[in-house]
């Protein structure tokens, strides 16, 4: 099945229902399901007329909008492959793509088209379409209005490539995740099930995959008028007003964005009483974030999601399930609870051999590899929505292995399963501290300090053989010293404190420590 069949079926069921709401606050555009379907069919004709065909890659640099999803659906109708480039590093990603598949079209904003002109690897892609307005040497996507609709045909095997995205590269070079139609359909179905997407509702959507899931379920995606490339700096007032204006029922966002929204609402006495579900993930979700959003959205069920580009989601934690005992465990360095693995996924804890391949094995051999409850190791997963390989096989040897022919994915995250079958996160395997009395992972300490009222962020690293606690204080904070932190966290073995004006965070979600960048910042200061 071509995944675009989900959109077409939703359009047949609810043609006049809003599919996407976007544009400036107070002047939003509403695109119905019927309109989105018609636009995508006409864009498909436009792309085909320019030479794009089945199997071709279409590089896309367009922000979340109705235009973006019309282009995605148009490419899928042709059997072409949407390729999503990170606007912060498009050239290296494109070079990787072109080594393994034909990229024969480009769609971007006027700014992206300018980047294309200035970047040789991008400039070589023809044809080029500008998503809005006019740009020299580019065709206007607005010409879709004059094109006849592409014939309805959503047939095709599940094994055809459907979408190419890239990992964040938080512990190395970004890798291309190539999903076929079957894998993408499984991902969207599982997202819809666990996010409780309900047709006719309005969801404030800040993550591209959620809009795809919404479009298959008849949910309206409200794309806020904020900079979603920098969720930690998104305008919280605009977010709050968008929720109120459109009476949004649900919300999925980075913890940095959710916390920013919650702080704004608290400071201005706002209550988001239409929200019935709030989900946050993409980075560690501390209990303070769950508490803050629950306070300003009292009618909402609040969940933390654990997942990755290769498998989203893997586990879920409802705030209501977080006990006082769990909170004490977090404060004592036991890690960060991520909830129970979802039923559709198989999850195991293996000995942490990050960077070393695991060989294929039988089921009995695999069971012997798995660690017992309570033991910390690397999290590995398998299931219908887990990506089985990377583009060109880059990274497959280190992250994939087979058990009786079934692909398992190594997440690179360390964690443990408790005696209730709940997953607790310890941090990235690559960031573990060596040579200490016991193996330490930074997230255990960072989670323990997440409730500290004077700290904006904390990180735990090893440099020069010493365990360093790196602190970013809140403005006007009453600072404390090494003795106080060592007494509060005796198990951590902190040997020195380092203060930074800003601890580097990941670029995608602005919510998790960017350890390579942090080490570079410390080296620049002579630490």
Foldseek 3Di string as FASTA:
>chain_A
DQLLVLLVVLCVVWVAFFLEWDDAVPDIDTAGSVNLQQLLQLLLQVVVVQPDAAQAEEEEAEDDDSLVVSPLSSCSQRNYEYEYADPVDRPVVLVLVVVFGHHAYYEHALVVVVVLVVDVSSVPHPDYEHDDDDHPNHHHSVCSVVGGGHDDDRDDDQQRWRYWYWFLQLPHDIFIFIGGNQLLVVQLVVCCVVQVAAAPAEEAELDVSPSSSCSSHNYYYYDFPFPSLFLLPTDLVSVLVSCVVRLHAEYEAELSNLQVNLVVCVVVVAASASYAEYEYEPAAHALVSLVSNCVRHVNYFYKYFPPGPQGPGFAIDTSVPCDPVNLVCLLQLQAAWHHATDPQKDKFFFAAPQPAFDEAEEPVVVVVRGDDAPDKHWMKMFGSNGRQATRVRVCCRRFWYHYVRGIMGTPQWMWGAHPVRTIGTQAGSVQWDPDDPDIHGFRSVFSSCVPPPFFPGWTWHADPNAIEIETATDPPGDDDADVVSCVSHVVRRHDHYHYDPDFDDRSNRRHYGSVVVNVVVVVVVVD
